[in-house]
C-alpha atoms as a PDB file:
ATOM      1  CA  MET A   1      -4.219   4.138 -29.079  1.00  0.00           C
ATOM      2  CA  SER A   2      -1.463   6.037 -29.788  1.00  0.00           C
ATOM      3  CA  GLY A   3      -0.318   9.858 -27.254  1.00  0.00           C
ATOM      4  CA  GLU A   4      -2.074   7.494 -24.225  1.00  0.00           C
ATOM      5  CA  GLN A   5       0.496   7.389 -21.052  1.00  0.00           C
ATOM      6  CA  ASP A   6       0.668   4.896 -18.312  1.00  0.00           C
ATOM      7  CA  PRO A   7      -2.195   6.202 -15.498  1.00  0.00           C
ATOM      8  CA  LYS A   8      -0.022   4.997 -13.053  1.00  0.00           C
ATOM      9  CA  GLN A   9       3.196   7.091 -13.834  1.00  0.00           C
ATOM     10  CA  ILE A  10       1.136   9.733 -14.103  1.00  0.00           C
ATOM     11  CA  SER A  11      -0.226   9.144 -10.658  1.00  0.00           C
ATOM     12  CA  GLY A  12       3.238   8.983  -9.045  1.00  0.00           C
ATOM     13  CA  THR A  13       4.954  11.710 -10.212  1.00  0.00           C
ATOM     14  CA  TYR A  14       2.170  14.055  -9.774  1.00  0.00           C
ATOM     15  CA  ALA A  15       2.223  12.905  -6.450  1.00  0.00           C
ATOM     16  CA  ALA A  16       6.132  12.517  -5.812  1.00  0.00           C
ATOM     17  CA  ASN A  17       6.298  16.595  -6.709  1.00  0.00           C
ATOM     18  CA  LEU A  18       4.131  17.888  -4.005  1.00  0.00           C
ATOM     19  CA  VAL A  19       6.886  16.202  -1.644  1.00  0.00           C
ATOM     20  CA  GLU A  20       8.511  19.591   0.268  1.00  0.00           C
ATOM     21  CA  ASP A  21      11.900  20.254   1.562  1.00  0.00           C
ATOM     22  CA  ARG A  22      12.705  18.747   4.808  1.00  0.00           C
ATOM     23  CA  MET A  23      10.064  16.267   4.820  1.00  0.00           C
ATOM     24  CA  ALA A  24       9.811  12.993   5.909  1.00  0.00           C
ATOM     25  CA  VAL A  25       8.518  10.948   3.783  1.00  0.00           C
ATOM     26  CA  GLY A  26       7.064   8.214   3.932  1.00  0.00           C
ATOM     27  CA  LEU A  27       8.133   5.371   0.409  1.00  0.00           C
ATOM     28  CA  GLY A  28       5.384   3.119  -0.970  1.00  0.00           C
ATOM     29  CA  THR A  29       5.800  -0.868  -2.762  1.00  0.00           C
ATOM     30  CA  GLY A  30       4.253  -1.927  -5.501  1.00  0.00           C
ATOM     31  CA  SER A  31       4.407  -0.565  -9.118  1.00  0.00           C
ATOM     32  CA  THR A  32       2.831   2.958  -8.926  1.00  0.00           C
ATOM     33  CA  ALA A  33       4.849   3.518  -5.887  1.00  0.00           C
ATOM     34  CA  ARG A  34       7.932   2.642  -7.466  1.00  0.00           C
ATOM     35  CA  PHE A  35       7.240   6.170 -10.680  1.00  0.00           C
ATOM     36  CA  ALA A  36       7.341   7.981  -7.743  1.00  0.00           C
ATOM     37  CA  ILE A  37      10.404   6.973  -5.742  1.00  0.00           C
ATOM     38  CA  LEU A  38      11.389   7.471  -9.114  1.00  0.00           C
ATOM     39  CA  ARG A  39       9.677  10.819  -9.225  1.00  0.00           C
ATOM     40  CA  LEU A  40      11.357  11.985  -6.523  1.00  0.00           C
ATOM     41  CA  GLY A  41      15.084   9.842  -6.730  1.00  0.00           C
ATOM     42  CA  GLU A  42      15.373  12.441  -9.237  1.00  0.00           C
ATOM     43  CA  ARG A  43      13.838  15.727  -7.866  1.00  0.00           C
ATOM     44  CA  VAL A  44      16.536  14.609  -5.015  1.00  0.00           C
ATOM     45  CA  LYS A  45      19.115  14.554  -7.340  1.00  0.00           C
ATOM     46  CA  GLU A  46      18.254  18.753  -8.425  1.00  0.00           C
ATOM     47  CA  GLY A  47      18.654  19.225  -4.514  1.00  0.00           C
ATOM     48  CA  LEU A  48      15.834  18.481  -3.055  1.00  0.00           C
ATOM     49  CA  ASN A  49      16.573  17.475   1.110  1.00  0.00           C
ATOM     50  CA  ILE A  50      14.571  14.674   1.788  1.00  0.00           C
ATOM     51  CA  ILE A  51      14.553  11.968   4.325  1.00  0.00           C
ATOM     52  CA  ALA A  52      12.196   8.494   4.072  1.00  0.00           C
ATOM     53  CA  ILE A  53      11.323   5.139   5.713  1.00  0.00           C
ATOM     54  CA  PRO A  54      10.190   2.826   3.238  1.00  0.00           C
ATOM     55  CA  THR A  55       7.910   0.256   3.247  1.00  0.00           C
ATOM     56  CA  SER A  56       9.563  -2.968   1.460  1.00  0.00           C
ATOM     57  CA  GLU A  57      12.463  -4.688   1.246  1.00  0.00           C
ATOM     58  CA  ALA A  58      12.465  -3.296  -3.156  1.00  0.00           C
ATOM     59  CA  SER A  59      11.581   0.071  -2.325  1.00  0.00           C
ATOM     60  CA  ALA A  60      14.984   0.485   0.382  1.00  0.00           C
ATOM     61  CA  LYS A  61      17.194  -0.565  -2.952  1.00  0.00           C
ATOM     62  CA  LEU A  62      15.511   1.295  -4.844  1.00  0.00           C
ATOM     63  CA  ALA A  63      15.095   4.559  -2.880  1.00  0.00           C
ATOM     64  CA  THR A  64      19.295   3.801  -2.305  1.00  0.00           C
ATOM     65  CA  GLU A  65      19.842   3.264  -5.783  1.00  0.00           C
ATOM     66  CA  LEU A  66      18.821   6.854  -6.760  1.00  0.00           C
ATOM     67  CA  GLY A  67      20.608   8.261  -3.547  1.00  0.00           C
ATOM     68  CA  ILE A  68      17.332   9.110  -0.951  1.00  0.00           C
ATOM     69  CA  LYS A  69      18.621   9.444   2.111  1.00  0.00           C
ATOM     70  CA  LEU A  70      16.913   6.097   3.933  1.00  0.00           C
ATOM     71  CA  VAL A  71      16.356   7.048   7.855  1.00  0.00           C
ATOM     72  CA  GLY A  72      14.805   4.688  10.961  1.00  0.00           C
ATOM     73  CA  PHE A  73      12.236   4.820  13.013  1.00  0.00           C
ATOM     74  CA  ASN A  74      14.154   6.187  15.588  1.00  0.00           C
ATOM     75  CA  ASP A  75      15.450   9.406  13.609  1.00  0.00           C
ATOM     76  CA  VAL A  76      10.985   9.882  13.063  1.00  0.00           C
ATOM     77  CA  THR A  77       8.370  10.369  15.147  1.00  0.00           C
ATOM     78  CA  HIS A  78       6.201  11.279  12.391  1.00  0.00           C
ATOM     79  CA  LEU A  79       5.680  11.646   8.309  1.00  0.00           C
ATOM     80  CA  ASP A  80       4.234  14.839   6.772  1.00  0.00           C
ATOM     81  CA  ILE A  81       3.893  12.145   3.585  1.00  0.00           C
ATOM     82  CA  THR A  82       3.471   9.209   2.446  1.00  0.00           C
ATOM     83  CA  ILE A  83       3.141   8.455  -1.353  1.00  0.00           C
ATOM     84  CA  ASP A  84       1.731   4.853  -1.673  1.00  0.00           C
ATOM     85  CA  GLY A  85      -0.323   2.627  -4.160  1.00  0.00           C
ATOM     86  CA  ALA A  86      -3.935   0.616  -3.544  1.00  0.00           C
ATOM     87  CA  ASP A  87      -5.352  -2.729  -4.839  1.00  0.00           C
ATOM     88  CA  GLU A  88      -8.742  -1.629  -4.604  1.00  0.00           C
ATOM     89  CA  ILE A  89     -10.116   1.725  -3.365  1.00  0.00           C
ATOM     90  CA  ASP A  90     -13.983   2.789  -2.188  1.00  0.00           C
ATOM     91  CA  PRO A  91     -16.066   5.997  -1.719  1.00  0.00           C
ATOM     92  CA  ASP A  92     -14.990   6.366   1.255  1.00  0.00           C
ATOM     93  CA  PHE A  93     -10.985   5.530   0.989  1.00  0.00           C
ATOM     94  CA  ASN A  94     -11.505   2.953   2.302  1.00  0.00           C
ATOM     95  CA  MET A  95      -8.161   1.057   1.117  1.00  0.00           C
ATOM     96  CA  LEU A  96      -7.684  -2.765   0.437  1.00  0.00           C
ATOM     97  CA  LYS A  97      -3.578  -3.221  -0.325  1.00  0.00           C
ATOM     98  CA  GLY A  98      -1.141  -5.254  -0.289  1.00  0.00           C
ATOM     99  CA  GLY A  99      -0.302  -7.309  -3.342  1.00  0.00           C
ATOM    100  CA  GLY A 100       2.810  -6.719  -3.388  1.00  0.00           C
ATOM    101  CA  GLY A 101       2.964  -8.046  -0.043  1.00  0.00           C
ATOM    102  CA  ALA A 102       3.577  -5.491   2.259  1.00  0.00           C
ATOM    103  CA  LEU A 103       1.118  -4.440   3.967  1.00  0.00           C
ATOM    104  CA  LEU A 104       2.708  -4.979   7.826  1.00  0.00           C
ATOM    105  CA  ARG A 105       4.806  -2.028   6.512  1.00  0.00           C
ATOM    106  CA  GLU A 106       2.946  -0.399   4.835  1.00  0.00           C
ATOM    107  CA  LYS A 107       0.623   0.155   7.850  1.00  0.00           C
ATOM    108  CA  ILE A 108       2.395   0.669  10.363  1.00  0.00           C
ATOM    109  CA  VAL A 109       4.321   3.823   8.271  1.00  0.00           C
ATOM    110  CA  ALA A 110       0.269   4.918   7.315  1.00  0.00           C
ATOM    111  CA  SER A 111       0.243   5.047  11.043  1.00  0.00           C
ATOM    112  CA  LEU A 112       3.189   7.314  11.473  1.00  0.00           C
ATOM    113  CA  THR A 113       1.689   9.686   8.359  1.00  0.00           C
ATOM    114  CA  LYS A 114      -0.199  13.076   8.353  1.00  0.00           C
ATOM    115  CA  ARG A 115      -1.161  13.164   4.548  1.00  0.00           C
ATOM    116  CA  GLN A 116      -1.383   9.586   3.434  1.00  0.00           C
ATOM    117  CA  ILE A 117      -1.224  10.029  -0.685  1.00  0.00           C
ATOM    118  CA  CYS A 118      -2.943   7.307  -2.669  1.00  0.00           C
ATOM    119  CA  ILE A 119      -2.004   6.921  -6.200  1.00  0.00           C
ATOM    120  CA  VAL A 120      -4.431   4.693  -8.671  1.00  0.00           C
ATOM    121  CA  ASP A 121      -4.826   4.044 -11.769  1.00  0.00           C
ATOM    122  CA  PRO A 122      -9.447   4.485 -12.493  1.00  0.00           C
ATOM    123  CA  ASN A 123      -9.129   0.329 -12.517  1.00  0.00           C
ATOM    124  CA  LYS A 124      -8.748   0.965  -8.815  1.00  0.00           C
ATOM    125  CA  ALA A 125     -11.307   2.487  -8.262  1.00  0.00           C
ATOM    126  CA  VAL A 126     -14.091   0.267  -6.546  1.00  0.00           C
ATOM    127  CA  GLU A 127     -18.192   0.639  -4.928  1.00  0.00           C
ATOM    128  CA  LYS A 128     -16.887  -2.344  -2.437  1.00  0.00           C
ATOM    129  CA  LEU A 129     -14.066  -3.660  -2.164  1.00  0.00           C
ATOM    130  CA  GLY A 130     -13.394  -7.291  -2.358  1.00  0.00           C
ATOM    131  CA  LYS A 131     -12.801  -8.289  -5.865  1.00  0.00           C
ATOM    132  CA  PHE A 132      -9.853  -8.002  -5.546  1.00  0.00           C
ATOM    133  CA  PRO A 133      -8.442 -10.860  -3.206  1.00  0.00           C
ATOM    134  CA  LEU A 134      -7.964  -9.596   0.551  1.00  0.00           C
ATOM    135  CA  PRO A 135      -4.075 -10.130   2.065  1.00  0.00           C
ATOM    136  CA  VAL A 136      -4.131 -11.040   5.637  1.00  0.00           C
ATOM    137  CA  GLU A 137      -0.346 -12.076   6.755  1.00  0.00           C
ATOM    138  CA  VAL A 138      -0.410 -14.798   8.876  1.00  0.00           C
ATOM    139  CA  VAL A 139       2.765 -16.438  10.944  1.00  0.00           C
ATOM    140  CA  LYS A 140       3.629 -19.678   8.940  1.00  0.00           C
ATOM    141  CA  PHE A 141       2.837 -21.829  13.261  1.00  0.00           C
ATOM    142  CA  GLY A 142      -1.090 -22.996  12.966  1.00  0.00           C
ATOM    143  CA  TRP A 143      -1.312 -21.208  10.049  1.00  0.00           C
ATOM    144  CA  GLU A 144      -3.796 -23.918   8.897  1.00  0.00           C
ATOM    145  CA  VAL A 145      -5.878 -22.811  12.221  1.00  0.00           C
ATOM    146  CA  VAL A 146      -5.828 -19.242  10.608  1.00  0.00           C
ATOM    147  CA  ALA A 147      -6.993 -20.389   7.683  1.00  0.00           C
ATOM    148  CA  ARG A 148     -10.167 -22.516   9.168  1.00  0.00           C
ATOM    149  CA  ARG A 149     -11.376 -19.961  11.005  1.00  0.00           C
ATOM    150  CA  ILE A 150     -11.306 -17.392   8.276  1.00  0.00           C
ATOM    151  CA  GLU A 151     -13.470 -19.981   6.614  1.00  0.00           C
ATOM    152  CA  GLU A 152     -16.098 -19.860   9.816  1.00  0.00           C
ATOM    153  CA  ILE A 153     -16.288 -15.787   9.535  1.00  0.00           C
ATOM    154  CA  GLY A 154     -16.708 -16.151   6.035  1.00  0.00           C
ATOM    155  CA  GLY A 155     -13.932 -16.126   3.589  1.00  0.00           C
ATOM    156  CA  LYS A 156     -12.042 -18.243   1.504  1.00  0.00           C
ATOM    157  CA  TYR A 157      -7.877 -18.502   1.209  1.00  0.00           C
ATOM    158  CA  LYS A 158      -5.591 -19.255  -1.155  1.00  0.00           C
ATOM    159  CA  VAL A 159      -2.326 -19.489   0.036  1.00  0.00           C
ATOM    160  CA  ARG A 160      -0.017 -17.112  -2.020  1.00  0.00           C
ATOM    161  CA  GLN A 161       2.927 -18.611  -3.624  1.00  0.00           C
ATOM    162  CA  ARG A 162       5.546 -17.552  -5.344  1.00  0.00           C
ATOM    163  CA  ASP A 163       8.284 -20.130  -7.558  1.00  0.00           C
ATOM    164  CA  GLY A 164       5.465 -22.700  -6.721  1.00  0.00           C
ATOM    165  CA  GLU A 165       6.678 -22.328  -2.972  1.00  0.00           C
ATOM    166  CA  ASN A 166       4.643 -20.144   0.012  1.00  0.00           C
ATOM    167  CA  TYR A 167       5.230 -16.945  -0.759  1.00  0.00           C
ATOM    168  CA  VAL A 168       7.464 -15.476   2.319  1.00  0.00           C
ATOM    169  CA  THR A 169       6.656 -11.918   3.233  1.00  0.00           C
ATOM    170  CA  ASP A 170       9.930  -9.670   4.766  1.00  0.00           C
ATOM    171  CA  ASN A 171       8.584 -10.242   7.631  1.00  0.00           C
ATOM    172  CA  GLY A 172       8.605 -14.006   7.401  1.00  0.00           C
ATOM    173  CA  ASN A 173       5.682 -14.809   7.909  1.00  0.00           C
ATOM    174  CA  PHE A 174       2.617 -15.937   4.734  1.00  0.00           C
ATOM    175  CA  ILE A 175       0.335 -14.425   3.507  1.00  0.00           C
ATOM    176  CA  LEU A 176      -3.552 -15.910   2.665  1.00  0.00           C
ATOM    177  CA  ASP A 177      -5.587 -14.419   0.081  1.00  0.00           C
ATOM    178  CA  CYS A 178      -9.096 -14.322   1.278  1.00  0.00           C
ATOM    179  CA  ASP A 179     -12.204 -14.122  -0.765  1.00  0.00           C
ATOM    180  CA  PHE A 180     -15.367 -11.905   1.017  1.00  0.00           C
ATOM    181  CA  TYR A 181     -17.035  -9.649  -2.237  1.00  0.00           C
ATOM    182  CA  PRO A 182     -18.359  -7.763  -1.564  1.00  0.00           C
ATOM    183  CA  ILE A 183     -17.570  -6.186   1.658  1.00  0.00           C
ATOM    184  CA  GLU A 184     -20.123  -4.818   2.990  1.00  0.00           C
ATOM    185  CA  ASN A 185     -18.689  -3.281   5.958  1.00  0.00           C
ATOM    186  CA  PRO A 186     -14.232  -2.941   6.202  1.00  0.00           C
ATOM    187  CA  PRO A 187     -14.005  -1.347   9.506  1.00  0.00           C
ATOM    188  CA  GLU A 188     -16.085  -4.989  11.352  1.00  0.00           C
ATOM    189  CA  LEU A 189     -14.220  -7.439   8.414  1.00  0.00           C
ATOM    190  CA  GLU A 190     -10.915  -5.256   9.611  1.00  0.00           C
ATOM    191  CA  LYS A 191     -11.675  -6.178  13.303  1.00  0.00           C
ATOM    192  CA  ALA A 192     -13.353  -9.800  12.713  1.00  0.00           C
ATOM    193  CA  ILE A 193      -9.495 -10.952  10.906  1.00  0.00           C
ATOM    194  CA  LYS A 194      -7.511  -9.499  12.947  1.00  0.00           C
ATOM    195  CA  MET A 195      -8.965 -11.012  16.192  1.00  0.00           C
ATOM    196  CA  LEU A 196      -7.640 -14.270  15.132  1.00  0.00           C
ATOM    197  CA  PRO A 197      -4.861 -15.691  16.967  1.00  0.00           C
ATOM    198  CA  GLY A 198      -1.962 -15.482  14.425  1.00  0.00           C
ATOM    199  CA  VAL A 199      -3.006 -12.226  12.534  1.00  0.00           C
ATOM    200  CA  VAL A 200      -0.160 -10.597  11.408  1.00  0.00           C
ATOM    201  CA  GLU A 201      -2.078  -7.773   9.720  1.00  0.00           C
ATOM    202  CA  VAL A 202      -4.819  -8.208   7.090  1.00  0.00           C
ATOM    203  CA  GLY A 203      -4.993  -5.599   3.855  1.00  0.00           C
ATOM    204  CA  LEU A 204      -7.961  -3.220   4.864  1.00  0.00           C
ATOM    205  CA  PHE A 205      -6.760   0.413   5.530  1.00  0.00           C
ATOM    206  CA  ILE A 206     -10.025   2.253   7.117  1.00  0.00           C
ATOM    207  CA  ASN A 207      -9.222   6.027   8.147  1.00  0.00           C
ATOM    208  CA  MET A 208      -5.944   6.291   6.697  1.00  0.00           C
ATOM    209  CA  ALA A 209      -6.306   7.510   3.215  1.00  0.00           C
ATOM    210  CA  HIS A 210      -6.192  11.547   3.183  1.00  0.00           C
ATOM    211  CA  THR A 211      -5.641  12.396  -1.180  1.00  0.00           C
ATOM    212  CA  LEU A 212      -6.802  10.389  -3.542  1.00  0.00           C
ATOM    213  CA  ILE A 213      -4.565  11.100  -6.885  1.00  0.00           C
ATOM    214  CA  MET A 214      -5.978   9.311  -9.626  1.00  0.00           C
ATOM    215  CA  GLY A 215      -3.729   9.231 -12.819  1.00  0.00           C
ATOM    216  CA  HIS A 216      -5.471   9.090 -16.610  1.00  0.00           C
ATOM    217  CA  PRO A 217      -4.265   8.079 -19.964  1.00  0.00           C
ATOM    218  CA  SER A 218      -4.993  11.024 -21.004  1.00  0.00           C
ATOM    219  CA  GLY A 219      -2.240  12.559 -18.577  1.00  0.00           C
ATOM    220  CA  GLU A 220      -4.666  14.094 -16.430  1.00  0.00           C
ATOM    221  CA  CYS A 221      -4.763  14.104 -12.432  1.00  0.00           C
ATOM    222  CA  THR A 222      -8.113  13.505 -10.474  1.00  0.00           C
ATOM    223  CA  VAL A 223      -7.278  14.986  -6.521  1.00  0.00           C
ATOM    224  CA  ARG A 224      -9.749  14.277  -4.169  1.00  0.00           C
ATOM    225  CA  GLU A 225      -9.518  15.215  -0.655  1.00  0.00           C
ATOM    226  CA  ARG A 226     -10.776  12.933   2.140  1.00  0.00           C
ATOM    227  CA  ALA A 227     -14.184  14.610   3.493  1.00  0.00           C
END
């Protein structure tokens, strides 16, 4: 329909406008987070003074091109706000992330964040997580062992591919995209998978999202805070 707007751009721009001067900001990864970074770049050119830590090489490259000052973990003890997308988010604000391959860095950044803002379009809000395959980042050595263990605890897996080769994360690892749908107890599944030797990180983000910003084609935003 004519007049419809991109919900990803709506939510990303709205979230970027919440950032205040002198904040330390976590920059997410993916198509929705990209809109937030683009808006932050505009605001920096307008005089906004922030420092930022990106969650991927792609986000770092974009931020650098836009003049956003990047720092390392030695420079900050916390982040005031992180703006990032999600592949799915349930009514309890449990998120499934990692479709862009940055789940490890995203979780490290989220763990330091006072206010994690999840920016999504309406399709990402679900009753039960898991229709989107759950990413599990694993070391290359013995990944087959992890894959068998995934099957033993009830999942089905596919090794993520890119251009006919096994996809390699920014950290040099593989990703197993796993089917556990429906995920009835996200915290328990996260613990079970993380106990498997060879697992680096799992794309379940429990008790990490504070604010949900959902963009709509009408141009409006729905904002919810976690209870």
